[in-house]
Amino acid sequence: MPSPPPGCPMHDPEAKQSPPPVKSTSSGASCPVVHNQDQPKSAPPPGCPMHNNDKSSDKLNELNMMPELTQQRQEDQTIDLPTERMISSIPKTKDSDAKWEYPSPQQFYNALRRKGWETPEEEIETMVDIHNFLNEEAWNEVLKWENKFNCECKEDPYLTRFQGRPRDISPKARWHSLFGAPKPFDRHDWYVNHCGQERRYVIDYYEAPEEVPGVPVFHLDVRPALDDVETIMARFKEGFKTKWDQFFSSSSSSS
């Protein structure tokens, strides 16, 4: 994955997407805040703030398990935050014109405040840019996987629903952590429909070391869940191919 997740597409229309000035890598991630070099770096937040994990009494949208957030300004808010919402490139139905919509900076800030996270208001727009970028990169990885599955119809894949699961460590992440690897700071499960078949994808978001001070680097591990034989075989073939390429690449370079 190129350089710029935790991110989550939201509801319906209005706006356009612009890439954020941050960096990301493909397969593991970082805190969605561009930290000031003069300030100590805090631990990454426990999952995407747009997802509801604590207040089950709130009314949730069943497509994304998130509460309906308002654009209302906080009483003690000191700066105006944009209320425009960017349209993603991620289709939500068979009609490719219907795309998922990202939260506005004001909605994102309201979600942070709702969960009790203290976040400088001036950093919110950058956080939203990173949030949106990670989702776009995750979708690109999903499309790469979908191309590996046989599909006779001309229909493009689309994201039907998704869920943030920051407290549920995936089996793969848990296994790697036993050997000293860091645990992801967030996890999403995306449900993708293609040619009438729904496939679940697991996305782990990791924090990677900064290559340039102050510029966060993200590592996303995107793969289809091992829910059926077809997916198990696709994962096995991809893993074998990766190891094969690594072996012969290292062999040729050493010779």
C-alpha atoms as a PDB file:
ATOM      1  CA  MET A   1       0.000   0.000   0.000  1.00  0.00           C
ATOM      2  CA  PRO A   2       1.333   3.463  -0.809  1.00  0.00           C
ATOM      3  CA  SER A   3       2.279   6.075   1.805  1.00  0.00           C
ATOM      4  CA  PRO A   4      -0.225   8.848   2.854  1.00  0.00           C
ATOM      5  CA  PRO A   5      -7.519   2.213   8.042  1.00  0.00           C
ATOM      6  CA  PRO A   6      -8.888   4.052  12.081  1.00  0.00           C
ATOM      7  CA  GLY A   7     -11.336   4.774   9.480  1.00  0.00           C
ATOM      8  CA  CYS A   8     -14.929   4.211   8.535  1.00  0.00           C
ATOM      9  CA  PRO A   9     -17.007   5.224   5.547  1.00  0.00           C
ATOM     10  CA  MET A  10     -20.420   6.508   6.534  1.00  0.00           C
ATOM     11  CA  HIS A  11     -23.834   7.146   5.015  1.00  0.00           C
ATOM     12  CA  ASP A  12     -25.009   8.875   1.826  1.00  0.00           C
ATOM     13  CA  PRO A  13     -23.926  11.736  -0.550  1.00  0.00           C
ATOM     14  CA  GLU A  14     -22.264  15.174  -1.116  1.00  0.00           C
ATOM     15  CA  ALA A  15     -18.637  16.252  -1.661  1.00  0.00           C
ATOM     16  CA  LYS A  16     -15.353  15.125  -3.225  1.00  0.00           C
ATOM     17  CA  GLN A  17     -12.300  13.363  -1.937  1.00  0.00           C
ATOM     18  CA  SER A  18      -8.809  14.860  -1.647  1.00  0.00           C
ATOM     19  CA  PRO A  19      -5.749  12.835  -0.580  1.00  0.00           C
ATOM     20  CA  PRO A  20      -4.172  13.810   2.758  1.00  0.00           C
ATOM     21  CA  PRO A  21      -0.502  14.719   3.166  1.00  0.00           C
ATOM     22  CA  VAL A  22       0.430  11.634   5.149  1.00  0.00           C
ATOM     23  CA  LYS A  23       2.094   8.330   4.611  1.00  0.00           C
ATOM     24  CA  SER A  24       0.904   4.711   4.766  1.00  0.00           C
ATOM     25  CA  THR A  25       2.257   1.264   4.043  1.00  0.00           C
ATOM     26  CA  SER A  26       0.337  -1.878   3.076  1.00  0.00           C
ATOM     27  CA  SER A  27      -0.188  -4.608   5.696  1.00  0.00           C
ATOM     28  CA  GLY A  28      -0.107  -3.293   9.401  1.00  0.00           C
ATOM     29  CA  ALA A  29      -0.592   1.227  11.208  1.00  0.00           C
ATOM     30  CA  SER A  30      -0.315   4.596  13.417  1.00  0.00           C
ATOM     31  CA  CYS A  31      -2.253   6.980  15.532  1.00  0.00           C
ATOM     32  CA  PRO A  32      -4.532   9.081  13.317  1.00  0.00           C
ATOM     33  CA  VAL A  33      -3.023  12.348  14.556  1.00  0.00           C
ATOM     34  CA  VAL A  34      -0.084  14.281  13.125  1.00  0.00           C
ATOM     35  CA  HIS A  35       1.807  14.856  16.357  1.00  0.00           C
ATOM     36  CA  ASN A  36       3.663  18.049  17.153  1.00  0.00           C
ATOM     37  CA  GLN A  37       7.353  17.316  17.511  1.00  0.00           C
ATOM     38  CA  ASP A  38       7.510  19.542  20.594  1.00  0.00           C
ATOM     39  CA  GLN A  39       4.876  17.468  22.356  1.00  0.00           C
ATOM     40  CA  PRO A  40       5.201  13.892  23.616  1.00  0.00           C
ATOM     41  CA  LYS A  41       3.556  11.300  21.377  1.00  0.00           C
ATOM     42  CA  SER A  42       0.507   9.786  23.013  1.00  0.00           C
ATOM     43  CA  ALA A  43      -0.732   6.245  22.587  1.00  0.00           C
ATOM     44  CA  PRO A  44      -3.046   5.674  19.620  1.00  0.00           C
ATOM     45  CA  PRO A  45      -6.758   5.804  20.443  1.00  0.00           C
ATOM     46  CA  PRO A  46      -8.605   2.488  20.940  1.00  0.00           C
ATOM     47  CA  GLY A  47     -10.342   2.303  17.593  1.00  0.00           C
ATOM     48  CA  CYS A  48     -12.193   4.570  15.239  1.00  0.00           C
ATOM     49  CA  PRO A  49     -14.101   7.244  17.162  1.00  0.00           C
ATOM     50  CA  MET A  50     -17.023   7.014  14.755  1.00  0.00           C
ATOM     51  CA  HIS A  51     -17.961   3.533  15.993  1.00  0.00           C
ATOM     52  CA  ASN A  52     -20.176   3.022  18.997  1.00  0.00           C
ATOM     53  CA  ASN A  53     -18.636   0.553  21.430  1.00  0.00           C
ATOM     54  CA  ASP A  54     -19.672   1.942  24.786  1.00  0.00           C
ATOM     55  CA  LYS A  55     -23.177   3.357  24.642  1.00  0.00           C
ATOM     56  CA  SER A  56     -25.484   0.597  23.506  1.00  0.00           C
ATOM     57  CA  SER A  57     -28.497   2.721  24.387  1.00  0.00           C
ATOM     58  CA  ASP A  58     -27.845   5.031  21.428  1.00  0.00           C
ATOM     59  CA  LYS A  59     -29.792   4.385  18.259  1.00  0.00           C
ATOM     60  CA  LEU A  60     -27.433   2.739  15.762  1.00  0.00           C
ATOM     61  CA  ASN A  61     -27.366   2.558  12.000  1.00  0.00           C
ATOM     62  CA  GLU A  62     -27.351  -1.206  11.341  1.00  0.00           C
ATOM     63  CA  LEU A  63     -25.197  -0.792   8.207  1.00  0.00           C
ATOM     64  CA  ASN A  64     -22.213   0.531  10.133  1.00  0.00           C
ATOM     65  CA  MET A  65     -23.104   0.104  13.830  1.00  0.00           C
ATOM     66  CA  MET A  66     -22.667   3.831  14.446  1.00  0.00           C
ATOM     67  CA  PRO A  67     -24.938   6.374  16.102  1.00  0.00           C
ATOM     68  CA  GLU A  68     -26.404   9.163  14.014  1.00  0.00           C
ATOM     69  CA  LEU A  69     -24.061  12.067  14.792  1.00  0.00           C
ATOM     70  CA  THR A  70     -25.167  15.674  14.478  1.00  0.00           C
ATOM     71  CA  GLN A  71     -23.309  18.578  12.930  1.00  0.00           C
ATOM     72  CA  GLN A  72     -24.004  20.675  16.014  1.00  0.00           C
ATOM     73  CA  ARG A  73     -21.112  22.739  17.343  1.00  0.00           C
ATOM     74  CA  GLN A  74     -19.974  22.003  20.902  1.00  0.00           C
ATOM     75  CA  GLU A  75     -20.766  24.724  23.446  1.00  0.00           C
ATOM     76  CA  ASP A  76     -17.113  25.253  24.419  1.00  0.00           C
ATOM     77  CA  GLN A  77     -15.744  24.825  20.884  1.00  0.00           C
ATOM     78  CA  THR A  78     -13.319  27.631  20.014  1.00  0.00           C
ATOM     79  CA  ILE A  79     -12.981  27.267  16.213  1.00  0.00           C
ATOM     80  CA  ASP A  80     -15.444  26.528  13.440  1.00  0.00           C
ATOM     81  CA  LEU A  81     -15.089  23.077  11.913  1.00  0.00           C
ATOM     82  CA  PRO A  82     -16.345  22.239   8.405  1.00  0.00           C
ATOM     83  CA  THR A  83     -19.619  20.355   8.157  1.00  0.00           C
ATOM     84  CA  GLU A  84     -19.093  19.221   4.542  1.00  0.00           C
ATOM     85  CA  ARG A  85     -18.813  15.464   4.105  1.00  0.00           C
ATOM     86  CA  MET A  86     -16.525  13.896   1.521  1.00  0.00           C
ATOM     87  CA  ILE A  87     -17.816  11.241  -0.836  1.00  0.00           C
ATOM     88  CA  SER A  88     -15.637   8.125  -0.890  1.00  0.00           C
ATOM     89  CA  SER A  89     -14.806   5.963  -3.901  1.00  0.00           C
ATOM     90  CA  ILE A  90     -16.400   2.965  -2.151  1.00  0.00           C
ATOM     91  CA  PRO A  91     -19.696   1.789  -3.711  1.00  0.00           C
ATOM     92  CA  LYS A  92     -22.491   0.924  -1.285  1.00  0.00           C
ATOM     93  CA  THR A  93     -24.866  -0.731  -3.781  1.00  0.00           C
ATOM     94  CA  LYS A  94     -24.804  -2.316  -7.242  1.00  0.00           C
ATOM     95  CA  ASP A  95     -25.309   1.199  -8.555  1.00  0.00           C
ATOM     96  CA  SER A  96     -21.726   2.490  -8.685  1.00  0.00           C
ATOM     97  CA  ASP A  97     -23.030   6.066  -8.358  1.00  0.00           C
ATOM     98  CA  ALA A  98     -24.081   5.377  -4.765  1.00  0.00           C
ATOM     99  CA  LYS A  99     -20.990   5.830  -2.597  1.00  0.00           C
ATOM    100  CA  TRP A 100     -20.307   5.735   1.113  1.00  0.00           C
ATOM    101  CA  GLU A 101     -19.887   9.139   2.703  1.00  0.00           C
ATOM    102  CA  TYR A 102     -17.236  10.099   5.235  1.00  0.00           C
ATOM    103  CA  PRO A 103     -17.992  12.057   8.421  1.00  0.00           C
ATOM    104  CA  SER A 104     -17.425  15.800   8.418  1.00  0.00           C
ATOM    105  CA  PRO A 105     -14.743  17.281  10.707  1.00  0.00           C
ATOM    106  CA  GLN A 106     -17.504  18.530  12.999  1.00  0.00           C
ATOM    107  CA  GLN A 107     -19.064  15.059  13.233  1.00  0.00           C
ATOM    108  CA  PHE A 108     -15.637  13.523  13.831  1.00  0.00           C
ATOM    109  CA  TYR A 109     -14.957  16.004  16.624  1.00  0.00           C
ATOM    110  CA  ASN A 110     -18.371  15.333  18.154  1.00  0.00           C
ATOM    111  CA  ALA A 111     -17.592  11.611  18.129  1.00  0.00           C
ATOM    112  CA  LEU A 112     -14.282  12.200  19.924  1.00  0.00           C
ATOM    113  CA  ARG A 113     -15.944  14.382  22.517  1.00  0.00           C
ATOM    114  CA  ARG A 114     -18.731  11.868  22.954  1.00  0.00           C
ATOM    115  CA  LYS A 115     -16.150   9.243  23.913  1.00  0.00           C
ATOM    116  CA  GLY A 116     -14.311  11.617  26.222  1.00  0.00           C
ATOM    117  CA  TRP A 117     -11.135  11.915  24.146  1.00  0.00           C
ATOM    118  CA  GLU A 118      -9.333  15.238  24.485  1.00  0.00           C
ATOM    119  CA  THR A 119      -8.231  16.296  21.000  1.00  0.00           C
ATOM    120  CA  PRO A 120      -6.999  19.739  19.841  1.00  0.00           C
ATOM    121  CA  GLU A 121      -9.632  21.213  17.560  1.00  0.00           C
ATOM    122  CA  GLU A 122      -7.003  22.414  15.085  1.00  0.00           C
ATOM    123  CA  GLU A 123      -5.925  18.792  14.447  1.00  0.00           C
ATOM    124  CA  ILE A 124      -9.383  17.487  13.587  1.00  0.00           C
ATOM    125  CA  GLU A 125      -9.292  18.212   9.851  1.00  0.00           C
ATOM    126  CA  THR A 126      -5.954  16.410   9.518  1.00  0.00           C
ATOM    127  CA  MET A 127      -7.333  13.457  11.461  1.00  0.00           C
ATOM    128  CA  VAL A 128     -10.318  13.270   9.114  1.00  0.00           C
ATOM    129  CA  ASP A 129      -7.994  13.355   6.079  1.00  0.00           C
ATOM    130  CA  ILE A 130      -6.018  10.428   7.505  1.00  0.00           C
ATOM    131  CA  HIS A 131      -9.206   8.585   8.444  1.00  0.00           C
ATOM    132  CA  ASN A 132     -10.525   8.910   4.897  1.00  0.00           C
ATOM    133  CA  PHE A 133      -7.200   8.025   3.289  1.00  0.00           C
ATOM    134  CA  LEU A 134      -6.907   4.790   5.280  1.00  0.00           C
ATOM    135  CA  ASN A 135     -10.349   3.708   4.162  1.00  0.00           C
ATOM    136  CA  GLU A 136      -9.512   4.395   0.524  1.00  0.00           C
ATOM    137  CA  GLU A 137      -6.326   2.348   0.822  1.00  0.00           C
ATOM    138  CA  ALA A 138      -8.200  -0.460   2.573  1.00  0.00           C
ATOM    139  CA  TRP A 139     -10.739  -0.544  -0.261  1.00  0.00           C
ATOM    140  CA  ASN A 140      -7.937  -0.724  -2.845  1.00  0.00           C
ATOM    141  CA  GLU A 141      -6.593  -3.780  -1.035  1.00  0.00           C
ATOM    142  CA  VAL A 142     -10.072  -5.331  -0.996  1.00  0.00           C
ATOM    143  CA  LEU A 143     -10.332  -4.860  -4.770  1.00  0.00           C
ATOM    144  CA  LYS A 144      -6.988  -6.627  -5.256  1.00  0.00           C
ATOM    145  CA  TRP A 145      -8.321  -9.617  -3.317  1.00  0.00           C
ATOM    146  CA  GLU A 146     -11.632  -9.620  -5.169  1.00  0.00           C
ATOM    147  CA  ASN A 147      -9.743  -9.912  -8.467  1.00  0.00           C
ATOM    148  CA  LYS A 148      -8.391 -13.256  -7.257  1.00  0.00           C
ATOM    149  CA  PHE A 149     -11.885 -14.771  -7.003  1.00  0.00           C
ATOM    150  CA  ASN A 150     -13.647 -16.128 -10.069  1.00  0.00           C
ATOM    151  CA  CYS A 151     -16.689 -14.057 -10.950  1.00  0.00           C
ATOM    152  CA  GLU A 152     -18.524 -14.430 -14.245  1.00  0.00           C
ATOM    153  CA  CYS A 153     -20.785 -11.399 -13.883  1.00  0.00           C
ATOM    154  CA  LYS A 154     -19.730  -7.849 -14.782  1.00  0.00           C
ATOM    155  CA  GLU A 155     -20.793  -6.462 -11.422  1.00  0.00           C
ATOM    156  CA  ASP A 156     -18.260  -4.463  -9.412  1.00  0.00           C
ATOM    157  CA  PRO A 157     -17.727  -5.300  -5.723  1.00  0.00           C
ATOM    158  CA  TYR A 158     -19.488  -3.037  -3.238  1.00  0.00           C
ATOM    159  CA  LEU A 159     -19.376  -2.573   0.512  1.00  0.00           C
ATOM    160  CA  THR A 160     -22.750  -3.471   2.004  1.00  0.00           C
ATOM    161  CA  ARG A 161     -21.952  -2.905   5.691  1.00  0.00           C
ATOM    162  CA  PHE A 162     -19.077  -2.746   8.154  1.00  0.00           C
ATOM    163  CA  GLN A 163     -18.305  -2.791  11.848  1.00  0.00           C
ATOM    164  CA  GLY A 164     -15.535  -1.476  14.071  1.00  0.00           C
ATOM    165  CA  ARG A 165     -14.180  -4.099  16.498  1.00  0.00           C
ATOM    166  CA  PRO A 166     -11.203  -2.463  18.272  1.00  0.00           C
ATOM    167  CA  ARG A 167     -11.468  -4.758  21.303  1.00  0.00           C
ATOM    168  CA  ASP A 168     -11.551  -7.980  19.249  1.00  0.00           C
ATOM    169  CA  ILE A 169      -8.021  -9.007  18.305  1.00  0.00           C
ATOM    170  CA  SER A 170      -8.060 -11.056  15.110  1.00  0.00           C
ATOM    171  CA  PRO A 171      -6.524 -14.564  15.275  1.00  0.00           C
ATOM    172  CA  LYS A 172      -3.725 -13.511  12.907  1.00  0.00           C
ATOM    173  CA  ALA A 173      -2.836 -10.436  14.966  1.00  0.00           C
ATOM    174  CA  ARG A 174      -2.989 -12.436  18.198  1.00  0.00           C
ATOM    175  CA  TRP A 175      -0.691 -15.131  16.754  1.00  0.00           C
ATOM    176  CA  HIS A 176       1.877 -12.575  15.595  1.00  0.00           C
ATOM    177  CA  SER A 177       1.752 -10.793  18.963  1.00  0.00           C
ATOM    178  CA  LEU A 178       2.890 -14.037  20.635  1.00  0.00           C
ATOM    179  CA  PHE A 179       6.204 -13.553  18.800  1.00  0.00           C
ATOM    180  CA  GLY A 180       6.610  -9.943  19.861  1.00  0.00           C
ATOM    181  CA  ALA A 181       4.741  -8.139  17.078  1.00  0.00           C
ATOM    182  CA  PRO A 182       2.698  -5.091  18.159  1.00  0.00           C
ATOM    183  CA  LYS A 183      -1.065  -5.432  18.363  1.00  0.00           C
ATOM    184  CA  PRO A 184      -3.242  -3.349  16.015  1.00  0.00           C
ATOM    185  CA  PHE A 185      -4.839  -0.238  17.464  1.00  0.00           C
ATOM    186  CA  ASP A 186      -8.064  -0.874  15.556  1.00  0.00           C
ATOM    187  CA  ARG A 187      -9.923  -3.527  13.610  1.00  0.00           C
ATOM    188  CA  HIS A 188     -12.767  -3.325  11.107  1.00  0.00           C
ATOM    189  CA  ASP A 189     -14.852  -6.068   9.547  1.00  0.00           C
ATOM    190  CA  TRP A 190     -16.116  -5.141   6.081  1.00  0.00           C
ATOM    191  CA  TYR A 191     -18.819  -7.114   4.268  1.00  0.00           C
ATOM    192  CA  VAL A 192     -18.350  -6.974   0.518  1.00  0.00           C
ATOM    193  CA  ASN A 193     -20.895  -8.200  -2.007  1.00  0.00           C
ATOM    194  CA  HIS A 194     -19.741  -9.392  -5.428  1.00  0.00           C
ATOM    195  CA  CYS A 195     -21.858 -11.280  -7.942  1.00  0.00           C
ATOM    196  CA  GLY A 196     -24.462 -12.039  -5.281  1.00  0.00           C
ATOM    197  CA  GLN A 197     -21.946 -13.471  -2.802  1.00  0.00           C
ATOM    198  CA  GLU A 198     -21.102 -11.676   0.436  1.00  0.00           C
ATOM    199  CA  ARG A 199     -17.507 -11.955   1.664  1.00  0.00           C
ATOM    200  CA  ARG A 200     -16.185 -10.701   5.008  1.00  0.00           C
ATOM    201  CA  TYR A 201     -12.874  -8.862   5.162  1.00  0.00           C
ATOM    202  CA  VAL A 202     -10.805  -8.273   8.281  1.00  0.00           C
ATOM    203  CA  ILE A 203      -8.730  -5.088   8.433  1.00  0.00           C
ATOM    204  CA  ASP A 204      -6.125  -4.597  11.153  1.00  0.00           C
ATOM    205  CA  TYR A 205      -4.706  -1.092  11.648  1.00  0.00           C
ATOM    206  CA  TYR A 206      -1.155  -0.786  12.984  1.00  0.00           C
ATOM    207  CA  GLU A 207       1.170   2.040  13.904  1.00  0.00           C
ATOM    208  CA  ALA A 208       4.473   1.982  12.016  1.00  0.00           C
ATOM    209  CA  PRO A 209       7.685   3.893  12.834  1.00  0.00           C
ATOM    210  CA  GLU A 210       7.835   7.401  11.412  1.00  0.00           C
ATOM    211  CA  GLU A 211      10.252   7.772   8.502  1.00  0.00           C
ATOM    212  CA  VAL A 212       9.988  11.570   8.624  1.00  0.00           C
ATOM    213  CA  PRO A 213       9.554  13.185  12.081  1.00  0.00           C
ATOM    214  CA  GLY A 214       5.978  14.348  12.570  1.00  0.00           C
ATOM    215  CA  VAL A 215       4.599  12.378   9.592  1.00  0.00           C
ATOM    216  CA  PRO A 216       2.718   9.296  10.793  1.00  0.00           C
ATOM    217  CA  VAL A 217       3.032   6.013   8.928  1.00  0.00           C
ATOM    218  CA  PHE A 218       0.305   3.384   8.838  1.00  0.00           C
ATOM    219  CA  HIS A 219       0.333  -0.323   8.148  1.00  0.00           C
ATOM    220  CA  LEU A 220      -2.900  -2.026   7.099  1.00  0.00           C
ATOM    221  CA  ASP A 221      -3.377  -5.776   7.005  1.00  0.00           C
ATOM    222  CA  VAL A 222      -6.378  -6.392   4.750  1.00  0.00           C
ATOM    223  CA  ARG A 223      -7.521  -9.943   3.958  1.00  0.00           C
ATOM    224  CA  PRO A 224     -10.710 -11.958   3.482  1.00  0.00           C
ATOM    225  CA  ALA A 225     -11.821 -13.822   6.600  1.00  0.00           C
ATOM    226  CA  LEU A 226     -11.400 -17.596   6.571  1.00  0.00           C
ATOM    227  CA  ASP A 227     -15.155 -18.216   6.439  1.00  0.00           C
ATOM    228  CA  ASP A 228     -15.313 -20.735   3.559  1.00  0.00           C
ATOM    229  CA  VAL A 229     -13.186 -23.148   1.529  1.00  0.00           C
ATOM    230  CA  GLU A 230     -12.815 -20.769  -1.433  1.00  0.00           C
ATOM    231  CA  THR A 231     -11.394 -18.036   0.776  1.00  0.00           C
ATOM    232  CA  ILE A 232      -9.104 -20.442   2.634  1.00  0.00           C
ATOM    233  CA  MET A 233      -7.658 -21.614  -0.695  1.00  0.00           C
ATOM    234  CA  ALA A 234      -7.217 -18.027  -1.914  1.00  0.00           C
ATOM    235  CA  ARG A 235      -5.372 -17.083   1.281  1.00  0.00           C
ATOM    236  CA  PHE A 236      -3.192 -20.212   1.042  1.00  0.00           C
ATOM    237  CA  LYS A 237      -2.267 -19.523  -2.602  1.00  0.00           C
ATOM    238  CA  GLU A 238      -1.460 -15.878  -1.867  1.00  0.00           C
ATOM    239  CA  GLY A 239       0.677 -16.811   1.150  1.00  0.00           C
ATOM    240  CA  PHE A 240       2.552 -19.435  -0.868  1.00  0.00           C
ATOM    241  CA  LYS A 241       3.097 -17.007  -3.758  1.00  0.00           C
ATOM    242  CA  THR A 242       4.440 -14.342  -1.386  1.00  0.00           C
ATOM    243  CA  LYS A 243       6.917 -16.750   0.219  1.00  0.00           C
ATOM    244  CA  TRP A 244       7.928 -18.115  -3.221  1.00  0.00           C
ATOM    245  CA  ASP A 245       8.611 -14.590  -4.523  1.00  0.00           C
ATOM    246  CA  GLN A 246      10.564 -13.701  -1.390  1.00  0.00           C
ATOM    247  CA  PHE A 247      12.703 -16.838  -1.609  1.00  0.00           C
ATOM    248  CA  PHE A 248      13.628 -16.515  -5.261  1.00  0.00           C
ATOM    249  CA  SER A 249      14.061 -12.756  -4.982  1.00  0.00           C
ATOM    250  CA  SER A 250      16.543 -13.171  -2.125  1.00  0.00           C
ATOM    251  CA  SER A 251      18.256 -16.083  -3.923  1.00  0.00           C
ATOM    252  CA  SER A 252      18.779 -14.093  -7.125  1.00  0.00           C
ATOM    253  CA  SER A 253      20.007 -11.020  -5.264  1.00  0.00           C
ATOM    254  CA  SER A 254      22.536 -13.057  -3.240  1.00  0.00           C
ATOM    255  CA  SER A 255      23.850 -14.776  -6.365  1.00  0.00           C
END
